[in-house]
Amino acid sequence: MHTPCRAACKNNGGICSGCHRTMNELSDWRHLTNDSRQQKMEQISGVESTHQCEQCGEPAYCEISAGNDSCWCFEIEKRDTSSLTTSTRCLCRQCLSALPIK
């Protein structure tokens, strides 16, 4: 798999506004196998998910819910969630990246 870059790159508080990979995922991309790259893109796109995003209802992926010790969202800058009306678990990458940075 080639890069999922869409030439819309902008570091939005630790997450790319184009492909929604974290800065660590971007820098580690070249070291991943094609299978690992495919799996990461399936997680980002919602093909592989652990729950539904409570903000938009689309599939979302939480690495902690999947049994890991850490999650991709720990790598990005904290977001202001005060505008959310529900007590959300995890938002999808698109919804989380749309929130203002604290």
PDB file of N, CA and C in Angstrom:
ATOM      1  N   MET A   1       0.847  -1.190   0.000  1.00  0.00           N
ATOM      2  CA  MET A   1       0.000   0.000   0.000  1.00  0.00           C
ATOM      3  C   MET A   1       0.881   1.238   0.000  1.00  0.00           C
ATOM      4  N   HIS A   2       0.524   2.148  -0.864  1.00  0.00           N
ATOM      5  CA  HIS A   2       1.212   3.427  -0.900  1.00  0.00           C
ATOM      6  C   HIS A   2       0.656   4.329   0.189  1.00  0.00           C
ATOM      7  N   THR A   3       1.188   5.483   0.286  1.00  0.00           N
ATOM      8  CA  THR A   3       0.737   6.443   1.290  1.00  0.00           C
ATOM      9  C   THR A   3      -0.711   6.868   1.037  1.00  0.00           C
ATOM     10  N   PRO A   4      -1.499   7.063   2.090  1.00  0.00           N
ATOM     11  CA  PRO A   4      -2.874   7.543   1.925  1.00  0.00           C
ATOM     12  C   PRO A   4      -2.949   9.068   1.851  1.00  0.00           C
ATOM     13  N   CYS A   5      -1.823   9.715   1.742  1.00  0.00           N
ATOM     14  CA  CYS A   5      -1.782  11.172   1.697  1.00  0.00           C
ATOM     15  C   CYS A   5      -2.660  11.684   0.565  1.00  0.00           C
ATOM     16  N   ARG A   6      -3.433  12.723   0.867  1.00  0.00           N
ATOM     17  CA  ARG A   6      -4.331  13.319  -0.122  1.00  0.00           C
ATOM     18  C   ARG A   6      -3.873  14.723  -0.499  1.00  0.00           C
ATOM     19  N   ALA A   7      -2.644  15.060  -0.172  1.00  0.00           N
ATOM     20  CA  ALA A   7      -2.074  16.374  -0.464  1.00  0.00           C
ATOM     21  C   ALA A   7      -2.897  17.493   0.169  1.00  0.00           C
ATOM     22  N   ALA A   8      -3.488  17.189   1.314  1.00  0.00           N
ATOM     23  CA  ALA A   8      -4.228  18.197   2.084  1.00  0.00           C
ATOM     24  C   ALA A   8      -3.634  18.267   3.487  1.00  0.00           C
ATOM     25  N   CYS A   9      -2.343  18.057   3.569  1.00  0.00           N
ATOM     26  CA  CYS A   9      -1.668  17.939   4.855  1.00  0.00           C
ATOM     27  C   CYS A   9      -1.634  19.259   5.616  1.00  0.00           C
ATOM     28  N   LYS A  10      -1.987  19.168   6.863  1.00  0.00           N
ATOM     29  CA  LYS A  10      -1.844  20.265   7.799  1.00  0.00           C
ATOM     30  C   LYS A  10      -1.845  19.642   9.182  1.00  0.00           C
ATOM     31  N   ASN A  11      -0.847  19.970   9.963  1.00  0.00           N
ATOM     32  CA  ASN A  11      -0.775  19.445  11.320  1.00  0.00           C
ATOM     33  C   ASN A  11      -1.799  20.175  12.167  1.00  0.00           C
ATOM     34  N   ASN A  12      -2.864  19.496  12.490  1.00  0.00           N
ATOM     35  CA  ASN A  12      -3.949  20.045  13.292  1.00  0.00           C
ATOM     36  C   ASN A  12      -3.817  19.516  14.721  1.00  0.00           C
ATOM     37  N   GLY A  13      -2.872  20.072  15.450  1.00  0.00           N
ATOM     38  CA  GLY A  13      -2.686  19.663  16.838  1.00  0.00           C
ATOM     39  C   GLY A  13      -2.272  18.216  16.997  1.00  0.00           C
ATOM     40  N   GLY A  14      -1.474  17.720  16.065  1.00  0.00           N
ATOM     41  CA  GLY A  14      -0.950  16.367  16.163  1.00  0.00           C
ATOM     42  C   GLY A  14      -1.624  15.357  15.265  1.00  0.00           C
ATOM     43  N   ILE A  15      -2.613  15.816  14.484  1.00  0.00           N
ATOM     44  CA  ILE A  15      -3.295  14.913  13.558  1.00  0.00           C
ATOM     45  C   ILE A  15      -3.368  15.593  12.192  1.00  0.00           C
ATOM     46  N   CYS A  16      -3.107  14.832  11.136  1.00  0.00           N
ATOM     47  CA  CYS A  16      -3.120  15.388   9.789  1.00  0.00           C
ATOM     48  C   CYS A  16      -4.562  15.659   9.367  1.00  0.00           C
ATOM     49  N   SER A  17      -4.818  16.852   8.884  1.00  0.00           N
ATOM     50  CA  SER A  17      -6.173  17.205   8.469  1.00  0.00           C
ATOM     51  C   SER A  17      -6.570  16.517   7.167  1.00  0.00           C
ATOM     52  N   GLY A  18      -5.617  15.964   6.443  1.00  0.00           N
ATOM     53  CA  GLY A  18      -5.920  15.286   5.187  1.00  0.00           C
ATOM     54  C   GLY A  18      -6.267  13.820   5.361  1.00  0.00           C
ATOM     55  N   CYS A  19      -5.354  13.058   5.952  1.00  0.00           N
ATOM     56  CA  CYS A  19      -5.549  11.607   6.067  1.00  0.00           C
ATOM     57  C   CYS A  19      -5.923  11.164   7.480  1.00  0.00           C
ATOM     58  N   HIS A  20      -5.884  12.075   8.438  1.00  0.00           N
ATOM     59  CA  HIS A  20      -6.228  11.830   9.845  1.00  0.00           C
ATOM     60  C   HIS A  20      -5.286  10.868  10.555  1.00  0.00           C
ATOM     61  N   ARG A  21      -4.055  10.748  10.038  1.00  0.00           N
ATOM     62  CA  ARG A  21      -3.041  10.001  10.787  1.00  0.00           C
ATOM     63  C   ARG A  21      -2.384  10.951  11.779  1.00  0.00           C
ATOM     64  N   THR A  22      -1.929  10.395  12.907  1.00  0.00           N
ATOM     65  CA  THR A  22      -1.190  11.205  13.864  1.00  0.00           C
ATOM     66  C   THR A  22       0.210  11.458  13.314  1.00  0.00           C
ATOM     67  N   MET A  23       0.902  12.401  13.897  1.00  0.00           N
ATOM     68  CA  MET A  23       2.260  12.695  13.443  1.00  0.00           C
ATOM     69  C   MET A  23       3.167  11.476  13.635  1.00  0.00           C
ATOM     70  N   ASN A  24       2.971  10.727  14.725  1.00  0.00           N
ATOM     71  CA  ASN A  24       3.749   9.498  14.929  1.00  0.00           C
ATOM     72  C   ASN A  24       3.427   8.465  13.865  1.00  0.00           C
ATOM     73  N   GLU A  25       2.154   8.326  13.507  1.00  0.00           N
ATOM     74  CA  GLU A  25       1.776   7.379  12.460  1.00  0.00           C
ATOM     75  C   GLU A  25       2.380   7.783  11.123  1.00  0.00           C
ATOM     76  N   LEU A  26       2.420   9.081  10.852  1.00  0.00           N
ATOM     77  CA  LEU A  26       3.043   9.571   9.615  1.00  0.00           C
ATOM     78  C   LEU A  26       4.529   9.235   9.573  1.00  0.00           C
ATOM     79  N   SER A  27       5.232   9.484  10.665  1.00  0.00           N
ATOM     80  CA  SER A  27       6.676   9.240  10.662  1.00  0.00           C
ATOM     81  C   SER A  27       7.016   7.754  10.699  1.00  0.00           C
ATOM     82  N   ASP A  28       6.148   6.928  11.273  1.00  0.00           N
ATOM     83  CA  ASP A  28       6.388   5.484  11.348  1.00  0.00           C
ATOM     84  C   ASP A  28       5.920   4.737  10.103  1.00  0.00           C
ATOM     85  N   TRP A  29       5.172   5.409   9.233  1.00  0.00           N
ATOM     86  CA  TRP A  29       4.539   4.772   8.081  1.00  0.00           C
ATOM     87  C   TRP A  29       5.523   3.968   7.243  1.00  0.00           C
ATOM     88  N   ARG A  30       6.677   4.525   6.990  1.00  0.00           N
ATOM     89  CA  ARG A  30       7.660   3.855   6.115  1.00  0.00           C
ATOM     90  C   ARG A  30       8.219   2.574   6.724  1.00  0.00           C
ATOM     91  N   HIS A  31       8.076   2.409   8.043  1.00  0.00           N
ATOM     92  CA  HIS A  31       8.589   1.215   8.717  1.00  0.00           C
ATOM     93  C   HIS A  31       7.548   0.104   8.823  1.00  0.00           C
ATOM     94  N   LEU A  32       6.294   0.395   8.445  1.00  0.00           N
ATOM     95  CA  LEU A  32       5.224  -0.587   8.568  1.00  0.00           C
ATOM     96  C   LEU A  32       5.191  -1.516   7.358  1.00  0.00           C
ATOM     97  N   THR A  33       4.731  -2.730   7.586  1.00  0.00           N
ATOM     98  CA  THR A  33       4.501  -3.650   6.478  1.00  0.00           C
ATOM     99  C   THR A  33       3.232  -3.220   5.747  1.00  0.00           C
ATOM    100  N   ASN A  34       3.033  -3.716   4.557  1.00  0.00           N
ATOM    101  CA  ASN A  34       1.820  -3.390   3.815  1.00  0.00           C
ATOM    102  C   ASN A  34       0.573  -3.829   4.576  1.00  0.00           C
ATOM    103  N   ASP A  35       0.636  -4.977   5.247  1.00  0.00           N
ATOM    104  CA  ASP A  35      -0.508  -5.447   6.033  1.00  0.00           C
ATOM    105  C   ASP A  35      -0.808  -4.495   7.195  1.00  0.00           C
ATOM    106  N   SER A  36       0.231  -4.014   7.867  1.00  0.00           N
ATOM    107  CA  SER A  36       0.052  -3.072   8.974  1.00  0.00           C
ATOM    108  C   SER A  36      -0.491  -1.738   8.473  1.00  0.00           C
ATOM    109  N   ARG A  37      -0.026  -1.300   7.322  1.00  0.00           N
ATOM    110  CA  ARG A  37      -0.537  -0.063   6.728  1.00  0.00           C
ATOM    111  C   ARG A  37      -2.021  -0.209   6.388  1.00  0.00           C
ATOM    112  N   GLN A  38      -2.368  -1.342   5.789  1.00  0.00           N
ATOM    113  CA  GLN A  38      -3.766  -1.590   5.422  1.00  0.00           C
ATOM    114  C   GLN A  38      -4.650  -1.607   6.668  1.00  0.00           C
ATOM    115  N   GLN A  39      -4.175  -2.265   7.723  1.00  0.00           N
ATOM    116  CA  GLN A  39      -4.946  -2.335   8.962  1.00  0.00           C
ATOM    117  C   GLN A  39      -5.138  -0.935   9.564  1.00  0.00           C
ATOM    118  N   LYS A  40      -4.087  -0.135   9.564  1.00  0.00           N
ATOM    119  CA  LYS A  40      -4.185   1.228  10.099  1.00  0.00           C
ATOM    120  C   LYS A  40      -5.207   2.042   9.308  1.00  0.00           C
ATOM    121  N   MET A  41      -5.201   1.940   8.000  1.00  0.00           N
ATOM    122  CA  MET A  41      -6.154   2.688   7.189  1.00  0.00           C
ATOM    123  C   MET A  41      -7.580   2.186   7.404  1.00  0.00           C
ATOM    124  N   GLU A  42      -7.744   0.898   7.651  1.00  0.00           N
ATOM    125  CA  GLU A  42      -9.075   0.364   7.952  1.00  0.00           C
ATOM    126  C   GLU A  42      -9.568   0.882   9.299  1.00  0.00           C
ATOM    127  N   GLN A  43      -8.669   1.066  10.240  1.00  0.00           N
ATOM    128  CA  GLN A  43      -9.039   1.643  11.537  1.00  0.00           C
ATOM    129  C   GLN A  43      -9.433   3.112  11.371  1.00  0.00           C
ATOM    130  N   ILE A  44      -8.671   3.853  10.607  1.00  0.00           N
ATOM    131  CA  ILE A  44      -8.946   5.279  10.404  1.00  0.00           C
ATOM    132  C   ILE A  44     -10.256   5.483   9.643  1.00  0.00           C
ATOM    133  N   SER A  45     -10.508   4.664   8.644  1.00  0.00           N
ATOM    134  CA  SER A  45     -11.701   4.831   7.807  1.00  0.00           C
ATOM    135  C   SER A  45     -12.959   4.241   8.438  1.00  0.00           C
ATOM    136  N   GLY A  46     -12.801   3.432   9.475  1.00  0.00           N
ATOM    137  CA  GLY A  46     -13.963   2.835  10.123  1.00  0.00           C
ATOM    138  C   GLY A  46     -14.314   1.455   9.619  1.00  0.00           C
ATOM    139  N   VAL A  47     -13.558   0.932   8.651  1.00  0.00           N
ATOM    140  CA  VAL A  47     -13.793  -0.438   8.195  1.00  0.00           C
ATOM    141  C   VAL A  47     -13.588  -1.391   9.366  1.00  0.00           C
ATOM    142  N   GLU A  48     -12.529  -1.172  10.135  1.00  0.00           N
ATOM    143  CA  GLU A  48     -12.290  -1.891  11.389  1.00  0.00           C
ATOM    144  C   GLU A  48     -12.639  -0.916  12.518  1.00  0.00           C
ATOM    145  N   SER A  49     -13.597  -1.289  13.370  1.00  0.00           N
ATOM    146  CA  SER A  49     -14.018  -0.372  14.416  1.00  0.00           C
ATOM    147  C   SER A  49     -14.260  -1.110  15.727  1.00  0.00           C
ATOM    148  N   THR A  50     -14.252  -0.353  16.801  1.00  0.00           N
ATOM    149  CA  THR A  50     -14.552  -0.900  18.121  1.00  0.00           C
ATOM    150  C   THR A  50     -15.878  -0.378  18.658  1.00  0.00           C
ATOM    151  N   HIS A  51     -16.395   0.703  18.066  1.00  0.00           N
ATOM    152  CA  HIS A  51     -17.638   1.317  18.535  1.00  0.00           C
ATOM    153  C   HIS A  51     -18.123   2.345  17.519  1.00  0.00           C
ATOM    154  N   GLN A  52     -19.241   2.946  17.797  1.00  0.00           N
ATOM    155  CA  GLN A  52     -19.769   4.031  16.981  1.00  0.00           C
ATOM    156  C   GLN A  52     -19.397   5.355  17.653  1.00  0.00           C
ATOM    157  N   CYS A  53     -18.966   6.307  16.871  1.00  0.00           N
ATOM    158  CA  CYS A  53     -18.676   7.644  17.383  1.00  0.00           C
ATOM    159  C   CYS A  53     -19.982   8.246  17.893  1.00  0.00           C
ATOM    160  N   GLU A  54     -19.978   8.706  19.122  1.00  0.00           N
ATOM    161  CA  GLU A  54     -21.192   9.270  19.708  1.00  0.00           C
ATOM    162  C   GLU A  54     -21.519  10.654  19.159  1.00  0.00           C
ATOM    163  N   GLN A  55     -20.586  11.261  18.456  1.00  0.00           N
ATOM    164  CA  GLN A  55     -20.825  12.580  17.864  1.00  0.00           C
ATOM    165  C   GLN A  55     -21.524  12.456  16.504  1.00  0.00           C
ATOM    166  N   CYS A  56     -20.986  11.611  15.628  1.00  0.00           N
ATOM    167  CA  CYS A  56     -21.522  11.524  14.266  1.00  0.00           C
ATOM    168  C   CYS A  56     -22.200  10.195  13.948  1.00  0.00           C
ATOM    169  N   GLY A  57     -21.989   9.199  14.803  1.00  0.00           N
ATOM    170  CA  GLY A  57     -22.606   7.896  14.589  1.00  0.00           C
ATOM    171  C   GLY A  57     -21.860   6.973  13.645  1.00  0.00           C
ATOM    172  N   GLU A  58     -20.734   7.432  13.125  1.00  0.00           N
ATOM    173  CA  GLU A  58     -19.937   6.606  12.216  1.00  0.00           C
ATOM    174  C   GLU A  58     -19.050   5.650  13.015  1.00  0.00           C
ATOM    175  N   PRO A  59     -18.586   4.566  12.378  1.00  0.00           N
ATOM    176  CA  PRO A  59     -17.684   3.640  13.072  1.00  0.00           C
ATOM    177  C   PRO A  59     -16.398   4.353  13.488  1.00  0.00           C
ATOM    178  N   ALA A  60     -15.908   4.004  14.668  1.00  0.00           N
ATOM    179  CA  ALA A  60     -14.671   4.598  15.194  1.00  0.00           C
ATOM    180  C   ALA A  60     -13.815   3.492  15.794  1.00  0.00           C
ATOM    181  N   TYR A  61     -12.536   3.768  15.948  1.00  0.00           N
ATOM    182  CA  TYR A  61     -11.601   2.777  16.466  1.00  0.00           C
ATOM    183  C   TYR A  61     -10.856   3.340  17.664  1.00  0.00           C
ATOM    184  N   CYS A  62     -10.945   2.632  18.795  1.00  0.00           N
ATOM    185  CA  CYS A  62     -10.217   2.980  20.019  1.00  0.00           C
ATOM    186  C   CYS A  62      -9.251   1.843  20.310  1.00  0.00           C
ATOM    187  N   GLU A  63      -7.970   2.160  20.387  1.00  0.00           N
ATOM    188  CA  GLU A  63      -6.967   1.132  20.622  1.00  0.00           C
ATOM    189  C   GLU A  63      -7.079   0.526  22.015  1.00  0.00           C
ATOM    190  N   ILE A  64      -7.544   1.289  22.988  1.00  0.00           N
ATOM    191  CA  ILE A  64      -7.732   0.747  24.337  1.00  0.00           C
ATOM    192  C   ILE A  64      -8.895  -0.247  24.338  1.00  0.00           C
ATOM    193  N   SER A  65      -9.988   0.101  23.669  1.00  0.00           N
ATOM    194  CA  SER A  65     -11.114  -0.830  23.554  1.00  0.00           C
ATOM    195  C   SER A  65     -10.712  -2.103  22.818  1.00  0.00           C
ATOM    196  N   ALA A  66      -9.702  -1.994  21.961  1.00  0.00           N
ATOM    197  CA  ALA A  66      -9.202  -3.150  21.224  1.00  0.00           C
ATOM    198  C   ALA A  66      -8.194  -3.961  22.038  1.00  0.00           C
ATOM    199  N   GLY A  67      -7.936  -3.536  23.294  1.00  0.00           N
ATOM    200  CA  GLY A  67      -7.059  -4.311  24.172  1.00  0.00           C
ATOM    201  C   GLY A  67      -5.648  -3.801  24.337  1.00  0.00           C
ATOM    202  N   ASN A  68      -5.352  -2.623  23.788  1.00  0.00           N
ATOM    203  CA  ASN A  68      -4.008  -2.055  23.925  1.00  0.00           C
ATOM    204  C   ASN A  68      -3.913  -1.175  25.173  1.00  0.00           C
ATOM    205  N   ASP A  69      -2.694  -0.856  25.566  1.00  0.00           N
ATOM    206  CA  ASP A  69      -2.460  -0.022  26.750  1.00  0.00           C
ATOM    207  C   ASP A  69      -2.591   1.469  26.472  1.00  0.00           C
ATOM    208  N   SER A  70      -2.485   1.848  25.224  1.00  0.00           N
ATOM    209  CA  SER A  70      -2.499   3.256  24.851  1.00  0.00           C
ATOM    210  C   SER A  70      -3.358   3.412  23.601  1.00  0.00           C
ATOM    211  N   CYS A  71      -3.704   4.648  23.285  1.00  0.00           N
ATOM    212  CA  CYS A  71      -4.532   4.903  22.104  1.00  0.00           C
ATOM    213  C   CYS A  71      -3.909   6.017  21.268  1.00  0.00           C
ATOM    214  N   TRP A  72      -4.254   6.042  20.000  1.00  0.00           N
ATOM    215  CA  TRP A  72      -3.750   7.074  19.088  1.00  0.00           C
ATOM    216  C   TRP A  72      -4.079   8.476  19.583  1.00  0.00           C
ATOM    217  N   CYS A  73      -5.218   8.629  20.272  1.00  0.00           N
ATOM    218  CA  CYS A  73      -5.640   9.968  20.696  1.00  0.00           C
ATOM    219  C   CYS A  73      -4.744  10.542  21.797  1.00  0.00           C
ATOM    220  N   PHE A  74      -3.952   9.698  22.454  1.00  0.00           N
ATOM    221  CA  PHE A  74      -3.012  10.193  23.471  1.00  0.00           C
ATOM    222  C   PHE A  74      -1.858  10.949  22.826  1.00  0.00           C
ATOM    223  N   GLU A  75      -1.660  10.770  21.522  1.00  0.00           N
ATOM    224  CA  GLU A  75      -0.545  11.392  20.803  1.00  0.00           C
ATOM    225  C   GLU A  75      -0.853  12.809  20.322  1.00  0.00           C
ATOM    226  N   ILE A  76      -2.119  13.205  20.366  1.00  0.00           N
ATOM    227  CA  ILE A  76      -2.482  14.515  19.832  1.00  0.00           C
ATOM    228  C   ILE A  76      -2.738  15.499  20.968  1.00  0.00           C
ATOM    229  N   GLU A  77      -2.786  16.769  20.625  1.00  0.00           N
ATOM    230  CA  GLU A  77      -3.048  17.796  21.636  1.00  0.00           C
ATOM    231  C   GLU A  77      -4.473  17.647  22.165  1.00  0.00           C
ATOM    232  N   LYS A  78      -4.649  17.984  23.440  1.00  0.00           N
ATOM    233  CA  LYS A  78      -5.963  17.895  24.090  1.00  0.00           C
ATOM    234  C   LYS A  78      -6.953  18.811  23.376  1.00  0.00           C
ATOM    235  N   ARG A  79      -8.176  18.319  23.248  1.00  0.00           N
ATOM    236  CA  ARG A  79      -9.245  19.079  22.610  1.00  0.00           C
ATOM    237  C   ARG A  79     -10.253  19.556  23.644  1.00  0.00           C
ATOM    238  N   ASP A  80     -10.931  20.641  23.332  1.00  0.00           N
ATOM    239  CA  ASP A  80     -11.978  21.180  24.201  1.00  0.00           C
ATOM    240  C   ASP A  80     -13.270  20.426  23.904  1.00  0.00           C
ATOM    241  N   THR A  81     -13.697  19.601  24.838  1.00  0.00           N
ATOM    242  CA  THR A  81     -14.899  18.785  24.661  1.00  0.00           C
ATOM    243  C   THR A  81     -16.111  19.388  25.370  1.00  0.00           C
ATOM    244  N   SER A  82     -15.998  20.621  25.846  1.00  0.00           N
ATOM    245  CA  SER A  82     -17.091  21.227  26.611  1.00  0.00           C
ATOM    246  C   SER A  82     -18.354  21.440  25.774  1.00  0.00           C
ATOM    247  N   SER A  83     -18.228  21.470  24.456  1.00  0.00           N
ATOM    248  CA  SER A  83     -19.400  21.669  23.603  1.00  0.00           C
ATOM    249  C   SER A  83     -20.190  20.393  23.358  1.00  0.00           C
ATOM    250  N   LEU A  84     -19.628  19.259  23.754  1.00  0.00           N
ATOM    251  CA  LEU A  84     -20.310  17.985  23.520  1.00  0.00           C
ATOM    252  C   LEU A  84     -21.470  17.829  24.492  1.00  0.00           C
ATOM    253  N   THR A  85     -22.584  17.355  23.993  1.00  0.00           N
ATOM    254  CA  THR A  85     -23.786  17.230  24.821  1.00  0.00           C
ATOM    255  C   THR A  85     -23.885  15.887  25.523  1.00  0.00           C
ATOM    256  N   THR A  86     -23.127  14.897  25.075  1.00  0.00           N
ATOM    257  CA  THR A  86     -23.161  13.588  25.716  1.00  0.00           C
ATOM    258  C   THR A  86     -21.805  13.302  26.337  1.00  0.00           C
ATOM    259  N   SER A  87     -21.787  12.382  27.264  1.00  0.00           N
ATOM    260  CA  SER A  87     -20.507  11.958  27.834  1.00  0.00           C
ATOM    261  C   SER A  87     -19.945  10.873  26.927  1.00  0.00           C
ATOM    262  N   THR A  88     -19.098  11.292  26.006  1.00  0.00           N
ATOM    263  CA  THR A  88     -18.598  10.388  24.985  1.00  0.00           C
ATOM    264  C   THR A  88     -17.437   9.554  25.487  1.00  0.00           C
ATOM    265  N   ARG A  89     -17.348   8.347  24.961  1.00  0.00           N
ATOM    266  CA  ARG A  89     -16.172   7.506  25.183  1.00  0.00           C
ATOM    267  C   ARG A  89     -15.057   8.032  24.300  1.00  0.00           C
ATOM    268  N   CYS A  90     -15.112   7.630  23.058  1.00  0.00           N
ATOM    269  CA  CYS A  90     -14.123   8.077  22.082  1.00  0.00           C
ATOM    270  C   CYS A  90     -14.847   8.602  20.861  1.00  0.00           C
ATOM    271  N   LEU A  91     -14.348   9.671  20.328  1.00  0.00           N
ATOM    272  CA  LEU A  91     -14.860  10.186  19.067  1.00  0.00           C
ATOM    273  C   LEU A  91     -14.025   9.604  17.936  1.00  0.00           C
ATOM    274  N   CYS A  92     -14.577   9.621  16.738  1.00  0.00           N
ATOM    275  CA  CYS A  92     -13.792   9.220  15.576  1.00  0.00           C
ATOM    276  C   CYS A  92     -12.730  10.299  15.324  1.00  0.00           C
ATOM    277  N   ARG A  93     -11.779   9.998  14.490  1.00  0.00           N
ATOM    278  CA  ARG A  93     -10.687  10.936  14.223  1.00  0.00           C
ATOM    279  C   ARG A  93     -11.189  12.236  13.600  1.00  0.00           C
ATOM    280  N   GLN A  94     -12.172  12.140  12.730  1.00  0.00           N
ATOM    281  CA  GLN A  94     -12.683  13.335  12.084  1.00  0.00           C
ATOM    282  C   GLN A  94     -13.359  14.262  13.094  1.00  0.00           C
ATOM    283  N   CYS A  95     -14.201  13.705  13.960  1.00  0.00           N
ATOM    284  CA  CYS A  95     -14.902  14.534  14.952  1.00  0.00           C
ATOM    285  C   CYS A  95     -13.933  15.090  15.989  1.00  0.00           C
ATOM    286  N   LEU A  96     -12.986  14.278  16.436  1.00  0.00           N
ATOM    287  CA  LEU A  96     -12.029  14.746  17.433  1.00  0.00           C
ATOM    288  C   LEU A  96     -11.149  15.849  16.864  1.00  0.00           C
ATOM    289  N   SER A  97     -10.719  15.688  15.639  1.00  0.00           N
ATOM    290  CA  SER A  97      -9.841  16.705  15.045  1.00  0.00           C
ATOM    291  C   SER A  97     -10.590  18.001  14.740  1.00  0.00           C
ATOM    292  N   ALA A  98     -11.920  17.949  14.645  1.00  0.00           N
ATOM    293  CA  ALA A  98     -12.714  19.157  14.380  1.00  0.00           C
ATOM    294  C   ALA A  98     -12.907  20.005  15.636  1.00  0.00           C
ATOM    295  N   LEU A  99     -12.673  19.424  16.807  1.00  0.00           N
ATOM    296  CA  LEU A  99     -12.827  20.183  18.055  1.00  0.00           C
ATOM    297  C   LEU A  99     -11.666  21.155  18.232  1.00  0.00           C
ATOM    298  N   PRO A 100     -11.903  22.282  18.889  1.00  0.00           N
ATOM    299  CA  PRO A 100     -10.807  23.240  19.132  1.00  0.00           C
ATOM    300  C   PRO A 100      -9.777  22.666  20.107  1.00  0.00           C
ATOM    301  N   ILE A 101      -8.556  23.062  19.926  1.00  0.00           N
ATOM    302  CA  ILE A 101      -7.465  22.637  20.810  1.00  0.00           C
ATOM    303  C   ILE A 101      -7.565  23.443  22.096  1.00  0.00           C
ATOM    304  N   LYS A 102      -7.370  22.775  23.219  1.00  0.00           N
ATOM    305  CA  LYS A 102      -7.427  23.456  24.527  1.00  0.00           C
ATOM    306  C   LYS A 102      -6.276  24.406  24.676  1.00  0.00           C
TER     307      LYS A 102
END
